[in-house]
N, C-alpha and C. Protein backbone atom coordinates (compact mmCIF):
# COMPACT_ATOMS: atom_id res chain seq x y z
N MET A 1 -10.95 -35.56 16.20
CA MET A 1 -11.22 -35.07 14.95
C MET A 1 -12.33 -34.10 14.93
N GLY A 2 -13.43 -34.34 15.72
CA GLY A 2 -14.71 -33.87 15.64
C GLY A 2 -14.65 -32.48 16.40
N SER A 3 -13.57 -32.25 17.15
CA SER A 3 -13.55 -31.10 18.07
C SER A 3 -12.79 -29.83 17.23
N ILE A 4 -12.25 -30.28 16.10
CA ILE A 4 -11.42 -29.27 15.33
C ILE A 4 -12.38 -28.39 14.56
N PHE A 5 -13.54 -28.92 14.19
CA PHE A 5 -14.39 -28.17 13.13
C PHE A 5 -15.08 -26.99 13.92
N PRO A 6 -15.63 -27.06 15.24
CA PRO A 6 -16.14 -26.04 15.90
C PRO A 6 -14.96 -25.07 16.07
N PHE A 7 -13.76 -25.51 16.39
CA PHE A 7 -12.71 -24.59 16.73
C PHE A 7 -12.27 -23.79 15.49
N LEU A 8 -12.36 -24.26 14.31
CA LEU A 8 -12.03 -23.64 12.96
C LEU A 8 -13.26 -22.77 12.71
N SER A 9 -14.43 -23.17 12.99
CA SER A 9 -15.65 -22.12 12.55
C SER A 9 -15.61 -20.85 13.45
N VAL A 10 -15.29 -21.06 14.76
CA VAL A 10 -15.19 -20.03 15.91
C VAL A 10 -13.98 -19.12 15.32
N ALA A 11 -12.85 -19.73 15.05
CA ALA A 11 -11.67 -18.96 14.55
C ALA A 11 -11.92 -18.16 13.40
N ALA A 12 -12.74 -18.80 12.42
CA ALA A 12 -13.03 -18.04 11.11
C ALA A 12 -13.93 -16.84 11.36
N VAL A 13 -14.90 -16.98 12.31
CA VAL A 13 -15.82 -15.82 12.65
C VAL A 13 -14.88 -14.86 13.32
N ALA A 14 -14.13 -15.12 14.15
CA ALA A 14 -13.26 -14.19 14.91
C ALA A 14 -12.31 -13.42 14.07
N LEU A 15 -11.73 -14.13 13.21
CA LEU A 15 -10.79 -13.44 12.11
C LEU A 15 -11.61 -12.42 11.35
N PHE A 16 -12.77 -12.78 10.71
CA PHE A 16 -13.50 -11.92 9.78
C PHE A 16 -14.10 -10.88 10.79
N SER A 17 -14.53 -10.90 11.90
CA SER A 17 -14.96 -9.92 12.76
C SER A 17 -13.79 -9.00 13.11
N PHE A 18 -12.53 -9.50 13.31
CA PHE A 18 -11.52 -8.57 13.51
C PHE A 18 -11.17 -7.63 12.30
N VAL A 19 -11.32 -8.38 11.19
CA VAL A 19 -10.98 -7.62 9.92
C VAL A 19 -12.11 -6.64 9.70
N ALA A 20 -13.24 -6.85 9.97
CA ALA A 20 -14.25 -5.94 9.82
C ALA A 20 -14.15 -4.60 10.85
N VAL A 21 -13.87 -4.83 12.06
CA VAL A 21 -13.66 -3.87 12.93
C VAL A 21 -12.36 -3.07 12.67
N ALA A 22 -11.34 -3.69 12.31
CA ALA A 22 -10.06 -3.02 11.92
C ALA A 22 -10.40 -2.14 10.66
N SER A 23 -11.02 -2.45 9.61
CA SER A 23 -11.27 -1.72 8.48
C SER A 23 -12.20 -0.51 8.71
N TRP A 24 -13.20 -0.82 9.80
CA TRP A 24 -14.07 0.27 10.07
C TRP A 24 -13.32 1.38 10.85
N ALA A 25 -12.41 0.85 11.78
CA ALA A 25 -11.58 1.87 12.61
C ALA A 25 -10.50 2.73 11.53
N ASP A 26 -10.02 1.97 10.63
CA ASP A 26 -9.27 2.83 9.63
C ASP A 26 -10.09 3.72 8.82
N ALA A 27 -11.21 3.37 8.43
CA ALA A 27 -12.23 4.26 7.63
C ALA A 27 -12.46 5.51 8.58
N ARG A 28 -12.62 5.26 9.88
CA ARG A 28 -13.01 6.42 10.72
C ARG A 28 -11.76 7.29 10.83
N ARG A 29 -10.62 6.66 10.95
CA ARG A 29 -9.42 7.50 11.13
C ARG A 29 -9.20 8.39 9.74
N ARG A 30 -9.25 7.69 8.69
CA ARG A 30 -9.14 8.42 7.29
C ARG A 30 -10.18 9.62 7.25
N GLU A 31 -11.41 9.35 7.87
CA GLU A 31 -12.42 10.40 7.63
C GLU A 31 -12.06 11.44 8.48
N ARG A 32 -11.66 11.35 9.71
CA ARG A 32 -11.19 12.32 10.55
C ARG A 32 -10.07 13.03 10.16
N GLU A 33 -9.08 12.45 9.63
CA GLU A 33 -7.87 13.23 9.01
C GLU A 33 -8.49 14.19 7.74
N ALA A 34 -9.17 13.51 6.96
CA ALA A 34 -9.85 14.43 5.92
C ALA A 34 -10.59 15.58 6.34
N TYR A 35 -11.36 15.40 7.50
CA TYR A 35 -12.18 16.52 8.10
C TYR A 35 -11.12 17.61 8.53
N TYR A 36 -10.17 17.08 9.30
CA TYR A 36 -9.22 18.13 9.95
C TYR A 36 -8.38 18.81 8.75
N LYS A 37 -8.17 18.21 7.69
CA LYS A 37 -7.42 18.78 6.58
C LYS A 37 -8.33 19.75 5.84
N SER A 38 -9.56 19.48 5.81
CA SER A 38 -10.53 20.28 5.15
C SER A 38 -10.73 21.61 5.94
N GLU A 39 -10.74 21.37 7.37
CA GLU A 39 -10.90 22.41 8.20
C GLU A 39 -9.78 23.49 8.24
N ILE A 40 -8.55 22.81 8.08
CA ILE A 40 -7.36 23.74 7.89
C ILE A 40 -7.39 24.62 6.77
N THR A 41 -7.75 23.79 5.63
CA THR A 41 -7.80 24.56 4.27
C THR A 41 -8.82 25.69 4.44
N ARG A 42 -9.88 25.47 5.12
CA ARG A 42 -10.87 26.44 5.08
C ARG A 42 -10.54 27.62 5.98
N LYS A 43 -9.79 27.44 6.95
CA LYS A 43 -9.23 28.46 8.02
C LYS A 43 -8.16 29.23 7.25
N ILE A 44 -7.32 28.56 6.30
CA ILE A 44 -6.20 29.24 5.60
C ILE A 44 -6.82 30.17 4.65
N ILE A 45 -7.99 29.85 3.94
CA ILE A 45 -8.67 30.61 3.05
C ILE A 45 -9.05 31.82 3.72
N GLU A 46 -9.78 31.64 4.94
CA GLU A 46 -10.42 32.85 5.56
C GLU A 46 -9.26 33.83 6.19
N MET A 47 -8.15 33.33 6.37
CA MET A 47 -7.05 34.12 6.90
C MET A 47 -6.74 35.24 5.90
N GLN A 48 -6.54 36.41 6.40
CA GLN A 48 -6.04 37.44 5.57
C GLN A 48 -4.87 38.07 6.41
N GLY A 49 -3.64 37.69 5.83
CA GLY A 49 -2.50 38.24 6.60
C GLY A 49 -1.22 37.43 6.19
N THR A 50 -0.12 37.60 6.94
CA THR A 50 1.31 36.89 6.75
C THR A 50 1.14 35.52 7.37
N GLY A 51 0.10 35.27 8.14
CA GLY A 51 0.20 33.77 8.59
C GLY A 51 -0.33 32.79 7.45
N ALA A 52 -1.00 33.34 6.65
CA ALA A 52 -1.68 32.47 5.59
C ALA A 52 -0.42 31.90 4.63
N GLY A 53 0.62 32.58 4.42
CA GLY A 53 1.75 32.09 3.51
C GLY A 53 2.46 31.02 4.27
N SER A 54 2.60 30.99 5.50
CA SER A 54 3.39 29.96 6.12
C SER A 54 2.44 28.78 6.17
N ALA A 55 1.14 28.89 6.46
CA ALA A 55 0.21 27.83 6.40
C ALA A 55 0.07 27.25 5.14
N LEU A 56 0.17 27.93 4.08
CA LEU A 56 0.09 27.38 2.75
C LEU A 56 1.45 26.37 2.50
N GLU A 57 2.48 27.15 2.96
CA GLU A 57 3.78 26.33 2.67
C GLU A 57 3.68 25.01 3.45
N LEU A 58 3.15 25.05 4.65
CA LEU A 58 2.92 23.73 5.50
C LEU A 58 2.08 22.79 4.80
N LEU A 59 1.03 23.16 4.05
CA LEU A 59 0.24 22.34 3.37
C LEU A 59 0.86 21.72 2.18
N ARG A 60 1.83 22.57 1.54
CA ARG A 60 2.51 22.11 0.36
C ARG A 60 3.56 21.11 0.73
N GLU A 61 4.26 21.30 1.84
CA GLU A 61 5.20 20.38 2.41
C GLU A 61 4.54 19.07 2.71
N GLN A 62 3.34 19.13 3.32
CA GLN A 62 2.65 18.02 3.65
C GLN A 62 2.27 17.06 2.40
N GLU A 63 1.89 17.70 1.35
CA GLU A 63 1.48 17.13 0.08
C GLU A 63 2.83 16.49 -0.63
N LYS A 64 3.87 17.20 -0.50
CA LYS A 64 5.26 16.57 -0.99
C LYS A 64 5.68 15.41 -0.17
N LEU A 65 5.37 15.41 1.28
CA LEU A 65 5.77 14.35 2.04
C LEU A 65 4.82 12.99 1.59
N ASP A 66 3.44 13.39 1.45
CA ASP A 66 2.62 12.17 1.03
C ASP A 66 2.94 11.60 -0.22
N ALA A 67 3.38 12.42 -1.25
CA ALA A 67 3.70 11.86 -2.55
C ALA A 67 5.04 11.18 -2.43
N ARG A 68 5.96 11.55 -1.54
CA ARG A 68 7.02 10.70 -1.58
C ARG A 68 6.89 9.23 -0.68
N ARG A 69 6.03 9.58 0.39
CA ARG A 69 5.76 8.20 1.04
C ARG A 69 5.04 7.19 0.12
N ARG A 70 4.19 7.62 -0.89
CA ARG A 70 3.54 6.87 -1.80
C ARG A 70 4.47 6.16 -2.87
N SER A 71 5.44 7.03 -3.19
CA SER A 71 6.55 6.63 -4.28
C SER A 71 7.55 5.58 -3.43
N GLU A 72 7.65 5.83 -2.24
CA GLU A 72 8.69 4.89 -1.64
C GLU A 72 7.82 3.55 -1.42
N GLY A 73 6.57 3.63 -0.98
CA GLY A 73 5.88 2.47 -0.91
C GLY A 73 5.63 1.63 -2.19
N ILE A 74 5.57 2.32 -3.31
CA ILE A 74 5.52 1.62 -4.63
C ILE A 74 6.88 1.07 -4.90
N LYS A 75 7.96 1.65 -4.70
CA LYS A 75 9.21 1.14 -4.81
C LYS A 75 9.47 -0.22 -3.93
N LEU A 76 9.08 -0.19 -2.81
CA LEU A 76 9.17 -1.23 -1.91
C LEU A 76 8.36 -2.49 -2.43
N GLY A 77 7.12 -2.10 -2.91
CA GLY A 77 6.23 -3.24 -3.39
C GLY A 77 6.83 -3.82 -4.65
N GLY A 78 7.35 -3.06 -5.45
CA GLY A 78 8.06 -3.53 -6.64
C GLY A 78 9.28 -4.50 -6.55
N LEU A 79 10.00 -4.03 -5.39
CA LEU A 79 11.15 -4.93 -5.06
C LEU A 79 10.81 -6.16 -4.49
N VAL A 80 9.86 -6.19 -3.70
CA VAL A 80 9.31 -7.38 -2.91
C VAL A 80 8.54 -8.22 -3.97
N THR A 81 7.93 -7.65 -4.81
CA THR A 81 7.15 -8.45 -5.91
C THR A 81 8.07 -9.11 -6.81
N THR A 82 9.12 -8.36 -7.33
CA THR A 82 10.27 -8.77 -8.13
C THR A 82 10.92 -9.88 -7.33
N SER A 83 11.21 -9.80 -6.18
CA SER A 83 12.14 -10.82 -5.50
C SER A 83 11.26 -12.12 -5.24
N ALA A 84 10.05 -11.95 -4.99
CA ALA A 84 9.10 -13.10 -4.87
C ALA A 84 8.93 -13.80 -6.21
N GLY A 85 8.96 -13.22 -7.31
CA GLY A 85 8.87 -13.65 -8.61
C GLY A 85 10.24 -14.61 -8.88
N ILE A 86 11.30 -13.91 -8.59
CA ILE A 86 12.65 -14.67 -8.69
C ILE A 86 12.64 -15.84 -7.73
N GLY A 87 12.17 -15.74 -6.63
CA GLY A 87 12.18 -16.94 -5.72
C GLY A 87 11.27 -18.01 -6.25
N VAL A 88 10.08 -17.75 -6.80
CA VAL A 88 9.14 -18.79 -7.23
C VAL A 88 9.93 -19.39 -8.55
N LEU A 89 10.42 -18.60 -9.29
CA LEU A 89 11.10 -19.04 -10.46
C LEU A 89 12.15 -20.16 -10.12
N ILE A 90 12.94 -19.79 -9.23
CA ILE A 90 14.13 -20.73 -8.92
C ILE A 90 13.57 -21.98 -8.06
N PHE A 91 12.55 -21.64 -7.22
CA PHE A 91 11.96 -22.73 -6.61
C PHE A 91 11.25 -23.79 -7.48
N LEU A 92 10.37 -23.43 -8.55
CA LEU A 92 9.87 -24.19 -9.41
C LEU A 92 10.83 -24.97 -10.40
N ARG A 93 11.99 -24.24 -10.63
CA ARG A 93 12.90 -24.78 -11.56
C ARG A 93 13.55 -25.97 -10.84
N VAL A 94 13.89 -25.80 -9.60
CA VAL A 94 14.56 -26.85 -8.82
C VAL A 94 13.52 -28.04 -8.64
N LEU A 95 12.31 -27.73 -8.27
CA LEU A 95 11.26 -28.72 -7.94
C LEU A 95 10.86 -29.43 -9.16
N VAL A 96 10.58 -28.90 -10.27
CA VAL A 96 10.01 -29.43 -11.29
C VAL A 96 10.99 -29.25 -12.56
N ARG A 97 11.85 -30.36 -12.94
CA ARG A 97 12.88 -30.19 -13.95
C ARG A 97 12.33 -30.45 -15.41
N ASP A 98 11.25 -31.33 -15.50
CA ASP A 98 10.93 -31.89 -16.74
C ASP A 98 10.16 -30.78 -17.60
N GLU A 99 9.29 -30.04 -16.87
CA GLU A 99 8.50 -29.23 -17.60
C GLU A 99 8.61 -27.67 -17.33
N PRO A 100 8.49 -26.80 -18.22
CA PRO A 100 8.73 -25.38 -18.07
C PRO A 100 7.69 -24.76 -17.07
N VAL A 101 7.43 -25.44 -15.85
CA VAL A 101 6.55 -24.74 -14.97
C VAL A 101 6.99 -23.62 -14.34
N TYR A 102 8.40 -23.63 -14.21
CA TYR A 102 9.08 -22.49 -13.48
C TYR A 102 8.70 -21.07 -14.09
N LEU A 103 8.32 -20.94 -15.53
CA LEU A 103 8.06 -19.87 -16.11
C LEU A 103 6.80 -19.04 -15.51
N SER A 104 6.22 -19.77 -14.79
CA SER A 104 4.99 -18.92 -13.99
C SER A 104 5.67 -18.05 -12.86
N GLY A 105 6.83 -18.06 -12.46
CA GLY A 105 7.41 -17.06 -11.63
C GLY A 105 7.71 -15.92 -12.42
N LEU A 106 7.58 -15.79 -13.77
CA LEU A 106 7.68 -14.55 -14.56
C LEU A 106 6.54 -13.60 -14.26
N ILE A 107 5.52 -14.15 -13.83
CA ILE A 107 4.21 -13.22 -13.65
C ILE A 107 4.54 -12.30 -12.46
N PRO A 108 4.80 -12.75 -11.40
CA PRO A 108 5.07 -11.81 -10.26
C PRO A 108 6.23 -11.04 -10.65
N MET A 109 7.37 -11.58 -11.04
CA MET A 109 8.60 -10.77 -11.27
C MET A 109 8.31 -9.53 -12.32
N LEU A 110 7.41 -9.83 -13.36
CA LEU A 110 7.12 -8.79 -14.26
C LEU A 110 6.25 -7.70 -13.73
N VAL A 111 5.33 -8.25 -12.88
CA VAL A 111 4.52 -7.17 -12.10
C VAL A 111 5.40 -6.33 -11.22
N GLY A 112 6.35 -6.77 -10.51
CA GLY A 112 7.26 -5.96 -9.84
C GLY A 112 8.25 -5.08 -10.69
N ILE A 113 8.47 -5.62 -11.69
CA ILE A 113 9.40 -4.73 -12.75
C ILE A 113 8.54 -3.51 -13.26
N ALA A 114 7.23 -3.94 -13.55
CA ALA A 114 6.29 -2.86 -14.06
C ALA A 114 6.04 -1.77 -12.91
N LEU A 115 5.97 -2.07 -11.66
CA LEU A 115 5.97 -1.18 -10.60
C LEU A 115 7.17 -0.19 -10.53
N LEU A 116 8.29 -0.92 -10.63
CA LEU A 116 9.66 -0.10 -10.57
C LEU A 116 9.75 0.82 -11.86
N VAL A 117 9.39 0.44 -12.97
CA VAL A 117 9.41 1.21 -14.25
C VAL A 117 8.52 2.34 -13.99
N TYR A 118 7.31 2.24 -13.47
CA TYR A 118 6.35 3.20 -13.14
C TYR A 118 7.01 4.22 -12.34
N VAL A 119 7.71 3.83 -11.21
CA VAL A 119 7.97 4.79 -10.32
C VAL A 119 9.31 5.54 -10.74
N TYR A 120 10.27 4.90 -11.42
CA TYR A 120 11.51 5.54 -11.94
C TYR A 120 11.24 6.15 -13.36
N ALA A 121 10.45 5.79 -14.12
CA ALA A 121 10.30 6.39 -15.47
C ALA A 121 9.08 7.20 -15.76
N LEU A 122 7.93 6.55 -15.39
CA LEU A 122 6.67 7.14 -15.87
C LEU A 122 5.94 7.91 -14.74
N GLY A 123 6.34 7.75 -13.53
CA GLY A 123 5.51 8.33 -12.47
C GLY A 123 5.80 9.84 -12.26
N PRO A 124 4.94 10.66 -11.58
CA PRO A 124 5.26 12.05 -11.40
C PRO A 124 6.46 12.22 -10.76
N LYS A 125 7.12 13.27 -11.21
CA LYS A 125 8.42 13.73 -10.66
C LYS A 125 8.21 14.79 -9.53
N GLU A 126 9.16 14.76 -8.67
CA GLU A 126 9.09 15.75 -7.45
C GLU A 126 9.44 17.03 -7.80
């Protein structure tokens, strides 16, 4: 029993170290992407000719793809959260029959529904 505590402390330090390095690497990647995008934008502005139109069209297409990817991510998140809420609702209803504890499953379900309503009704259209 005494040997599990050093193992758990080393595991916790390793986990948080990994999370720190992973978030740092992700931040560096995003920084590079933003730098490259700003460089492309600067070069397009400096260009005077027919190539500028096609480059601007490429940037517009990239923005459309990013917006679509964001929208699809919100849709997936809404579906997963709604499904998890329904699962919690059913699980707690079967587990505890005497009290209405199962209603706590409505919280994630309503969050998922709010995400779906935003994507389909309130969000920006393509």
